[in-house]
Amino acid sequence: MSREQKKIERSLAGGAPSDGEARAYLAAARRYFSGFEREARAHLEQVDRELEKLYQVQYNLAAERGVAQRRVEATQGVLVSIEEIAAE
């Protein structure tokens, strides 16, 4: 990419680049940025997989919390009943 960049800069400094020079530059730019795109897409897929795992863990923990909260409420009900019976 660097070599093509220097070539096109020289061409531009001397006027307009030829069609071949312009095509060569665009092909080099396409190759250069295609690699970045593949890398970015792979990273995005990795992040999406991690987020999906995180969402599943969050969902499971929320469900587990609901169960624990219901157990606390049920246990409190039993303890209140015991206290009422003991007070009689």
PDB file of N, CA and C in Angstrom:
ATOM      1  N   MET A   1       0.831  -1.182   0.000  1.00  0.00           N
ATOM      2  CA  MET A   1       0.000   0.000   0.000  1.00  0.00           C
ATOM      3  C   MET A   1       0.878   1.249   0.000  1.00  0.00           C
ATOM      4  N   SER A   2       1.920   1.202   0.785  1.00  0.00           N
ATOM      5  CA  SER A   2       2.806   2.353   0.884  1.00  0.00           C
ATOM      6  C   SER A   2       3.444   2.677  -0.476  1.00  0.00           C
ATOM      7  N   ARG A   3       3.872   1.631  -1.156  1.00  0.00           N
ATOM      8  CA  ARG A   3       4.502   1.831  -2.473  1.00  0.00           C
ATOM      9  C   ARG A   3       3.488   2.444  -3.451  1.00  0.00           C
ATOM     10  N   GLU A   4       2.279   1.910  -3.461  1.00  0.00           N
ATOM     11  CA  GLU A   4       1.250   2.449  -4.360  1.00  0.00           C
ATOM     12  C   GLU A   4       0.870   3.874  -3.980  1.00  0.00           C
ATOM     13  N   GLN A   5       0.873   4.147  -2.685  1.00  0.00           N
ATOM     14  CA  GLN A   5       0.556   5.511  -2.216  1.00  0.00           C
ATOM     15  C   GLN A   5       1.600   6.497  -2.751  1.00  0.00           C
ATOM     16  N   LYS A   6       2.853   6.119  -2.670  1.00  0.00           N
ATOM     17  CA  LYS A   6       3.924   7.002  -3.168  1.00  0.00           C
ATOM     18  C   LYS A   6       3.823   7.191  -4.679  1.00  0.00           C
ATOM     19  N   LYS A   7       3.501   6.115  -5.384  1.00  0.00           N
ATOM     20  CA  LYS A   7       3.347   6.219  -6.842  1.00  0.00           C
ATOM     21  C   LYS A   7       2.225   7.181  -7.213  1.00  0.00           C
ATOM     22  N   ILE A   8       1.095   7.041  -6.545  1.00  0.00           N
ATOM     23  CA  ILE A   8      -0.054   7.879  -6.907  1.00  0.00           C
ATOM     24  C   ILE A   8       0.212   9.330  -6.524  1.00  0.00           C
ATOM     25  N   GLU A   9       0.929   9.548  -5.432  1.00  0.00           N
ATOM     26  CA  GLU A   9       1.284  10.918  -5.037  1.00  0.00           C
ATOM     27  C   GLU A   9       2.185  11.557  -6.093  1.00  0.00           C
ATOM     28  N   ARG A  10       3.158  10.777  -6.597  1.00  0.00           N
ATOM     29  CA  ARG A  10       4.032  11.309  -7.654  1.00  0.00           C
ATOM     30  C   ARG A  10       3.211  11.618  -8.901  1.00  0.00           C
ATOM     31  N   SER A  11       2.296  10.733  -9.233  1.00  0.00           N
ATOM     32  CA  SER A  11       1.448  10.949 -10.409  1.00  0.00           C
ATOM     33  C   SER A  11       0.593  12.199 -10.249  1.00  0.00           C
ATOM     34  N   LEU A  12       0.037  12.361  -9.073  1.00  0.00           N
ATOM     35  CA  LEU A  12      -0.809  13.529  -8.817  1.00  0.00           C
ATOM     36  C   LEU A  12       0.014  14.813  -8.844  1.00  0.00           C
ATOM     37  N   ALA A  13       1.225  14.750  -8.363  1.00  0.00           N
ATOM     38  CA  ALA A  13       2.091  15.927  -8.368  1.00  0.00           C
ATOM     39  C   ALA A  13       2.439  16.326  -9.798  1.00  0.00           C
ATOM     40  N   GLY A  14       2.506  15.349 -10.682  1.00  0.00           N
ATOM     41  CA  GLY A  14       2.837  15.634 -12.080  1.00  0.00           C
ATOM     42  C   GLY A  14       1.614  15.838 -12.958  1.00  0.00           C
ATOM     43  N   GLY A  15       0.456  15.894 -12.384  1.00  0.00           N
ATOM     44  CA  GLY A  15      -0.788  16.035 -13.153  1.00  0.00           C
ATOM     45  C   GLY A  15      -1.769  14.967 -12.709  1.00  0.00           C
ATOM     46  N   ALA A  16      -2.474  14.411 -13.672  1.00  0.00           N
ATOM     47  CA  ALA A  16      -3.468  13.382 -13.357  1.00  0.00           C
ATOM     48  C   ALA A  16      -2.859  11.996 -13.579  1.00  0.00           C
ATOM     49  N   PRO A  17      -3.168  11.041 -12.709  1.00  0.00           N
ATOM     50  CA  PRO A  17      -2.651   9.682 -12.907  1.00  0.00           C
ATOM     51  C   PRO A  17      -3.326   9.020 -14.107  1.00  0.00           C
ATOM     52  N   SER A  18      -2.638   8.084 -14.709  1.00  0.00           N
ATOM     53  CA  SER A  18      -3.232   7.340 -15.827  1.00  0.00           C
ATOM     54  C   SER A  18      -4.280   6.386 -15.275  1.00  0.00           C
ATOM     55  N   ASP A  19      -5.082   5.850 -16.172  1.00  0.00           N
ATOM     56  CA  ASP A  19      -6.096   4.886 -15.755  1.00  0.00           C
ATOM     57  C   ASP A  19      -5.452   3.675 -15.078  1.00  0.00           C
ATOM     58  N   GLY A  20      -4.354   3.202 -15.619  1.00  0.00           N
ATOM     59  CA  GLY A  20      -3.649   2.056 -15.043  1.00  0.00           C
ATOM     60  C   GLY A  20      -3.127   2.351 -13.656  1.00  0.00           C
ATOM     61  N   GLU A  21      -2.571   3.548 -13.471  1.00  0.00           N
ATOM     62  CA  GLU A  21      -2.064   3.930 -12.147  1.00  0.00           C
ATOM     63  C   GLU A  21      -3.212   4.028 -11.137  1.00  0.00           C
ATOM     64  N   ALA A  22      -4.302   4.614 -11.586  1.00  0.00           N
ATOM     65  CA  ALA A  22      -5.463   4.748 -10.696  1.00  0.00           C
ATOM     66  C   ALA A  22      -6.007   3.373 -10.327  1.00  0.00           C
ATOM     67  N   ARG A  23      -6.122   2.460 -11.310  1.00  0.00           N
ATOM     68  CA  ARG A  23      -6.614   1.104 -11.030  1.00  0.00           C
ATOM     69  C   ARG A  23      -5.674   0.361 -10.082  1.00  0.00           C
ATOM     70  N   ALA A  24      -4.374   0.514 -10.299  1.00  0.00           N
ATOM     71  CA  ALA A  24      -3.389  -0.146  -9.435  1.00  0.00           C
ATOM     72  C   ALA A  24      -3.500   0.367  -8.002  1.00  0.00           C
ATOM     73  N   TYR A  25      -3.671   1.681  -7.868  1.00  0.00           N
ATOM     74  CA  TYR A  25      -3.810   2.263  -6.534  1.00  0.00           C
ATOM     75  C   TYR A  25      -5.080   1.763  -5.849  1.00  0.00           C
ATOM     76  N   LEU A  26      -6.182   1.772  -6.600  1.00  0.00           N
ATOM     77  CA  LEU A  26      -7.450   1.316  -6.020  1.00  0.00           C
ATOM     78  C   LEU A  26      -7.403  -0.168  -5.656  1.00  0.00           C
ATOM     79  N   ALA A  27      -6.743  -0.975  -6.472  1.00  0.00           N
ATOM     80  CA  ALA A  27      -6.602  -2.402  -6.160  1.00  0.00           C
ATOM     81  C   ALA A  27      -5.784  -2.594  -4.882  1.00  0.00           C
ATOM     82  N   ALA A  28      -4.708  -1.817  -4.745  1.00  0.00           N
ATOM     83  CA  ALA A  28      -3.871  -1.913  -3.536  1.00  0.00           C
ATOM     84  C   ALA A  28      -4.668  -1.471  -2.305  1.00  0.00           C
ATOM     85  N   ALA A  29      -5.425  -0.408  -2.454  1.00  0.00           N
ATOM     86  CA  ALA A  29      -6.244   0.089  -1.338  1.00  0.00           C
ATOM     87  C   ALA A  29      -7.294  -0.952  -0.955  1.00  0.00           C
ATOM     88  N   ARG A  30      -7.898  -1.574  -1.964  1.00  0.00           N
ATOM     89  CA  ARG A  30      -8.908  -2.607  -1.708  1.00  0.00           C
ATOM     90  C   ARG A  30      -8.286  -3.785  -0.939  1.00  0.00           C
ATOM     91  N   ARG A  31      -7.137  -4.254  -1.383  1.00  0.00           N
ATOM     92  CA  ARG A  31      -6.456  -5.358  -0.692  1.00  0.00           C
ATOM     93  C   ARG A  31      -6.103  -4.966   0.750  1.00  0.00           C
ATOM     94  N   TYR A  32      -5.595  -3.765   0.889  1.00  0.00           N
ATOM     95  CA  TYR A  32      -5.167  -3.282   2.204  1.00  0.00           C
ATOM     96  C   TYR A  32      -6.339  -3.225   3.187  1.00  0.00           C
ATOM     97  N   PHE A  33      -7.424  -2.603   2.758  1.00  0.00           N
ATOM     98  CA  PHE A  33      -8.556  -2.425   3.666  1.00  0.00           C
ATOM     99  C   PHE A  33      -9.408  -3.674   3.801  1.00  0.00           C
ATOM    100  N   SER A  34      -9.347  -4.594   2.840  1.00  0.00           N
ATOM    101  CA  SER A  34     -10.076  -5.857   2.961  1.00  0.00           C
ATOM    102  C   SER A  34      -9.567  -6.651   4.153  1.00  0.00           C
ATOM    103  N   GLY A  35      -8.273  -6.618   4.381  1.00  0.00           N
ATOM    104  CA  GLY A  35      -7.704  -7.301   5.549  1.00  0.00           C
ATOM    105  C   GLY A  35      -8.230  -6.725   6.851  1.00  0.00           C
ATOM    106  N   PHE A  36      -8.311  -5.411   6.918  1.00  0.00           N
ATOM    107  CA  PHE A  36      -8.853  -4.766   8.116  1.00  0.00           C
ATOM    108  C   PHE A  36     -10.316  -5.132   8.306  1.00  0.00           C
ATOM    109  N   GLU A  37     -11.054  -5.193   7.202  1.00  0.00           N
ATOM    110  CA  GLU A  37     -12.469  -5.542   7.313  1.00  0.00           C
ATOM    111  C   GLU A  37     -12.629  -6.963   7.857  1.00  0.00           C
ATOM    112  N   ARG A  38     -11.852  -7.913   7.328  1.00  0.00           N
ATOM    113  CA  ARG A  38     -11.923  -9.302   7.827  1.00  0.00           C
ATOM    114  C   ARG A  38     -11.592  -9.354   9.313  1.00  0.00           C
ATOM    115  N   GLU A  39     -10.554  -8.629   9.698  1.00  0.00           N
ATOM    116  CA  GLU A  39     -10.159  -8.601  11.103  1.00  0.00           C
ATOM    117  C   GLU A  39     -11.262  -8.010  11.982  1.00  0.00           C
ATOM    118  N   ALA A  40     -11.860  -6.916  11.513  1.00  0.00           N
ATOM    119  CA  ALA A  40     -12.927  -6.270  12.281  1.00  0.00           C
ATOM    120  C   ALA A  40     -14.152  -7.171  12.378  1.00  0.00           C
ATOM    121  N   ARG A  41     -14.497  -7.850  11.288  1.00  0.00           N
ATOM    122  CA  ARG A  41     -15.650  -8.770  11.313  1.00  0.00           C
ATOM    123  C   ARG A  41     -15.402  -9.932  12.272  1.00  0.00           C
ATOM    124  N   ALA A  42     -14.198 -10.477  12.259  1.00  0.00           N
ATOM    125  CA  ALA A  42     -13.864 -11.570  13.171  1.00  0.00           C
ATOM    126  C   ALA A  42     -13.957 -11.099  14.622  1.00  0.00           C
ATOM    127  N   HIS A  43     -13.471  -9.896  14.878  1.00  0.00           N
ATOM    128  CA  HIS A  43     -13.552  -9.340  16.232  1.00  0.00           C
ATOM    129  C   HIS A  43     -15.004  -9.144  16.642  1.00  0.00           C
ATOM    130  N   LEU A  44     -15.810  -8.623  15.733  1.00  0.00           N
ATOM    131  CA  LEU A  44     -17.234  -8.414  16.017  1.00  0.00           C
ATOM    132  C   LEU A  44     -17.916  -9.735  16.336  1.00  0.00           C
ATOM    133  N   GLU A  45     -17.619 -10.777  15.585  1.00  0.00           N
ATOM    134  CA  GLU A  45     -18.212 -12.091  15.848  1.00  0.00           C
ATOM    135  C   GLU A  45     -17.800 -12.614  17.214  1.00  0.00           C
ATOM    136  N   GLN A  46     -16.532 -12.409  17.563  1.00  0.00           N
ATOM    137  CA  GLN A  46     -16.041 -12.841  18.874  1.00  0.00           C
ATOM    138  C   GLN A  46     -16.762 -12.092  19.994  1.00  0.00           C
ATOM    139  N   VAL A  47     -16.904 -10.787  19.833  1.00  0.00           N
ATOM    140  CA  VAL A  47     -17.591  -9.987  20.849  1.00  0.00           C
ATOM    141  C   VAL A  47     -19.054 -10.410  20.954  1.00  0.00           C
ATOM    142  N   ASP A  48     -19.699 -10.670  19.818  1.00  0.00           N
ATOM    143  CA  ASP A  48     -21.090 -11.125  19.839  1.00  0.00           C
ATOM    144  C   ASP A  48     -21.236 -12.452  20.576  1.00  0.00           C
ATOM    145  N   ARG A  49     -20.291 -13.375  20.362  1.00  0.00           N
ATOM    146  CA  ARG A  49     -20.336 -14.659  21.084  1.00  0.00           C
ATOM    147  C   ARG A  49     -20.188 -14.440  22.587  1.00  0.00           C
ATOM    148  N   GLU A  50     -19.266 -13.566  22.965  1.00  0.00           N
ATOM    149  CA  GLU A  50     -19.063 -13.277  24.392  1.00  0.00           C
ATOM    150  C   GLU A  50     -20.300 -12.623  25.000  1.00  0.00           C
ATOM    151  N   LEU A  51     -20.916 -11.708  24.248  1.00  0.00           N
ATOM    152  CA  LEU A  51     -22.137 -11.068  24.751  1.00  0.00           C
ATOM    153  C   LEU A  51     -23.260 -12.073  24.915  1.00  0.00           C
ATOM    154  N   GLU A  52     -23.373 -13.003  23.975  1.00  0.00           N
ATOM    155  CA  GLU A  52     -24.413 -14.015  24.084  1.00  0.00           C
ATOM    156  C   GLU A  52     -24.211 -14.861  25.342  1.00  0.00           C
ATOM    157  N   LYS A  53     -22.957 -15.234  25.617  1.00  0.00           N
ATOM    158  CA  LYS A  53     -22.671 -15.975  26.847  1.00  0.00           C
ATOM    159  C   LYS A  53     -23.054 -15.145  28.071  1.00  0.00           C
ATOM    160  N   LEU A  54     -22.680 -13.864  28.039  1.00  0.00           N
ATOM    161  CA  LEU A  54     -22.973 -12.980  29.162  1.00  0.00           C
ATOM    162  C   LEU A  54     -24.476 -12.836  29.376  1.00  0.00           C
ATOM    163  N   TYR A  55     -25.237 -12.676  28.285  1.00  0.00           N
ATOM    164  CA  TYR A  55     -26.694 -12.561  28.395  1.00  0.00           C
ATOM    165  C   TYR A  55     -27.285 -13.828  29.011  1.00  0.00           C
ATOM    166  N   GLN A  56     -26.752 -14.996  28.622  1.00  0.00           N
ATOM    167  CA  GLN A  56     -27.248 -16.256  29.178  1.00  0.00           C
ATOM    168  C   GLN A  56     -26.952 -16.337  30.662  1.00  0.00           C
ATOM    169  N   VAL A  57     -25.747 -15.939  31.055  1.00  0.00           N
ATOM    170  CA  VAL A  57     -25.391 -15.942  32.478  1.00  0.00           C
ATOM    171  C   VAL A  57     -26.298 -14.978  33.240  1.00  0.00           C
ATOM    172  N   GLN A  58     -26.532 -13.800  32.673  1.00  0.00           N
ATOM    173  CA  GLN A  58     -27.393 -12.810  33.325  1.00  0.00           C
ATOM    174  C   GLN A  58     -28.811 -13.347  33.481  1.00  0.00           C
ATOM    175  N   TYR A  59     -29.317 -13.996  32.438  1.00  0.00           N
ATOM    176  CA  TYR A  59     -30.660 -14.572  32.492  1.00  0.00           C
ATOM    177  C   TYR A  59     -30.731 -15.638  33.585  1.00  0.00           C
ATOM    178  N   ASN A  60     -29.739 -16.526  33.613  1.00  0.00           N
ATOM    179  CA  ASN A  60     -29.724 -17.592  34.615  1.00  0.00           C
ATOM    180  C   ASN A  60     -29.633 -17.033  36.032  1.00  0.00           C
ATOM    181  N   LEU A  61     -28.799 -16.014  36.216  1.00  0.00           N
ATOM    182  CA  LEU A  61     -28.672 -15.412  37.545  1.00  0.00           C
ATOM    183  C   LEU A  61     -29.954 -14.709  37.969  1.00  0.00           C
ATOM    184  N   ALA A  62     -30.631 -14.065  37.041  1.00  0.00           N
ATOM    185  CA  ALA A  62     -31.898 -13.407  37.367  1.00  0.00           C
ATOM    186  C   ALA A  62     -32.932 -14.449  37.798  1.00  0.00           C
ATOM    187  N   ALA A  63     -32.971 -15.584  37.102  1.00  0.00           N
ATOM    188  CA  ALA A  63     -33.899 -16.653  37.480  1.00  0.00           C
ATOM    189  C   ALA A  63     -33.534 -17.218  38.849  1.00  0.00           C
ATOM    190  N   GLU A  64     -32.244 -17.426  39.081  1.00  0.00           N
ATOM    191  CA  GLU A  64     -31.781 -17.947  40.360  1.00  0.00           C
ATOM    192  C   GLU A  64     -32.107 -16.984  41.489  1.00  0.00           C
ATOM    193  N   ARG A  65     -31.971 -15.688  41.221  1.00  0.00           N
ATOM    194  CA  ARG A  65     -32.296 -14.679  42.229  1.00  0.00           C
ATOM    195  C   ARG A  65     -33.774 -14.728  42.585  1.00  0.00           C
ATOM    196  N   GLY A  66     -34.611 -14.913  41.549  1.00  0.00           N
ATOM    197  CA  GLY A  66     -36.051 -15.013  41.793  1.00  0.00           C
ATOM    198  C   GLY A  66     -36.383 -16.184  42.701  1.00  0.00           C
ATOM    199  N   VAL A  67     -35.745 -17.316  42.481  1.00  0.00           N
ATOM    200  CA  VAL A  67     -35.957 -18.492  43.332  1.00  0.00           C
ATOM    201  C   VAL A  67     -35.506 -18.195  44.757  1.00  0.00           C
ATOM    202  N   ALA A  68     -34.328 -17.599  44.905  1.00  0.00           N
ATOM    203  CA  ALA A  68     -33.818 -17.276  46.243  1.00  0.00           C
ATOM    204  C   ALA A  68     -34.736 -16.290  46.952  1.00  0.00           C
ATOM    205  N   GLN A  69     -35.260 -15.312  46.217  1.00  0.00           N
ATOM    206  CA  GLN A  69     -36.161 -14.322  46.829  1.00  0.00           C
ATOM    207  C   GLN A  69     -37.444 -15.001  47.318  1.00  0.00           C
ATOM    208  N   ARG A  70     -37.977 -15.922  46.522  1.00  0.00           N
ATOM    209  CA  ARG A  70     -39.186 -16.633  46.949  1.00  0.00           C
ATOM    210  C   ARG A  70     -38.905 -17.489  48.186  1.00  0.00           C
ATOM    211  N   ARG A  71     -37.710 -18.078  48.257  1.00  0.00           N
ATOM    212  CA  ARG A  71     -37.344 -18.862  49.437  1.00  0.00           C
ATOM    213  C   ARG A  71     -37.261 -17.973  50.674  1.00  0.00           C
ATOM    214  N   VAL A  72     -36.702 -16.771  50.518  1.00  0.00           N
ATOM    215  CA  VAL A  72     -36.615 -15.829  51.642  1.00  0.00           C
ATOM    216  C   VAL A  72     -38.019 -15.478  52.117  1.00  0.00           C
ATOM    217  N   GLU A  73     -38.896 -15.165  51.184  1.00  0.00           N
ATOM    218  CA  GLU A  73     -40.268 -14.798  51.546  1.00  0.00           C
ATOM    219  C   GLU A  73     -40.987 -15.953  52.244  1.00  0.00           C
ATOM    220  N   ALA A  74     -40.831 -17.166  51.734  1.00  0.00           N
ATOM    221  CA  ALA A  74     -41.473 -18.331  52.350  1.00  0.00           C
ATOM    222  C   ALA A  74     -40.914 -18.575  53.743  1.00  0.00           C
ATOM    223  N   THR A  75     -39.594 -18.460  53.885  1.00  0.00           N
ATOM    224  CA  THR A  75     -38.956 -18.676  55.181  1.00  0.00           C
ATOM    225  C   THR A  75     -39.397 -17.618  56.179  1.00  0.00           C
ATOM    226  N   GLN A  76     -39.515 -16.372  55.736  1.00  0.00           N
ATOM    227  CA  GLN A  76     -39.974 -15.306  56.624  1.00  0.00           C
ATOM    228  C   GLN A  76     -41.396 -15.585  57.098  1.00  0.00           C
ATOM    229  N   GLY A  77     -42.218 -16.110  56.204  1.00  0.00           N
ATOM    230  CA  GLY A  77     -43.586 -16.447  56.584  1.00  0.00           C
ATOM    231  C   GLY A  77     -43.612 -17.506  57.672  1.00  0.00           C
ATOM    232  N   VAL A  78     -42.773 -18.508  57.547  1.00  0.00           N
ATOM    233  CA  VAL A  78     -42.701 -19.565  58.562  1.00  0.00           C
ATOM    234  C   VAL A  78     -42.205 -18.984  59.882  1.00  0.00           C
ATOM    235  N   LEU A  79     -41.168 -18.146  59.821  1.00  0.00           N
ATOM    236  CA  LEU A  79     -40.619 -17.555  61.054  1.00  0.00           C
ATOM    237  C   LEU A  79     -41.645 -16.665  61.750  1.00  0.00           C
ATOM    238  N   VAL A  80     -42.415 -15.916  60.994  1.00  0.00           N
ATOM    239  CA  VAL A  80     -43.461 -15.074  61.590  1.00  0.00           C
ATOM    240  C   VAL A  80     -44.498 -15.956  62.268  1.00  0.00           C
ATOM    241  N   SER A  81     -44.879 -17.046  61.614  1.00  0.00           N
ATOM    242  CA  SER A  81     -45.861 -17.961  62.200  1.00  0.00           C
ATOM    243  C   SER A  81     -45.330 -18.564  63.498  1.00  0.00           C
ATOM    244  N   ILE A  82     -44.058 -18.946  63.507  1.00  0.00           N
ATOM    245  CA  ILE A  82     -43.449 -19.504  64.734  1.00  0.00           C
ATOM    246  C   ILE A  82     -43.478 -18.491  65.857  1.00  0.00           C
ATOM    247  N   GLU A  83     -43.133 -17.244  65.540  1.00  0.00           N
ATOM    248  CA  GLU A  83     -43.148 -16.190  66.555  1.00  0.00           C
ATOM    249  C   GLU A  83     -44.558 -15.968  67.101  1.00  0.00           C
ATOM    250  N   GLU A  84     -45.550 -16.015  66.234  1.00  0.00           N
ATOM    251  CA  GLU A  84     -46.945 -15.821  66.671  1.00  0.00           C
ATOM    252  C   GLU A  84     -47.371 -16.960  67.586  1.00  0.00           C
ATOM    253  N   ILE A  85     -46.996 -18.202  67.223  1.00  0.00           N
ATOM    254  CA  ILE A  85     -47.366 -19.361  68.059  1.00  0.00           C
ATOM    255  C   ILE A  85     -46.645 -19.274  69.399  1.00  0.00           C
ATOM    256  N   ALA A  86     -45.385 -18.884  69.382  1.00  0.00           N
ATOM    257  CA  ALA A  86     -44.588 -18.789  70.611  1.00  0.00           C
ATOM    258  C   ALA A  86     -45.121 -17.686  71.511  1.00  0.00           C
ATOM    259  N   ALA A  87     -45.710 -16.660  70.950  1.00  0.00           N
ATOM    260  CA  ALA A  87     -46.209 -15.533  71.754  1.00  0.00           C
ATOM    261  C   ALA A  87     -47.541 -15.880  72.424  1.00  0.00           C
ATOM    262  N   GLU A  88     -48.215 -16.894  71.987  1.00  0.00           N
ATOM    263  CA  GLU A  88     -49.527 -17.253  72.565  1.00  0.00           C
ATOM    264  C   GLU A  88     -49.421 -17.903  73.893  1.00  0.00           C
TER     265      GLU A  88
END
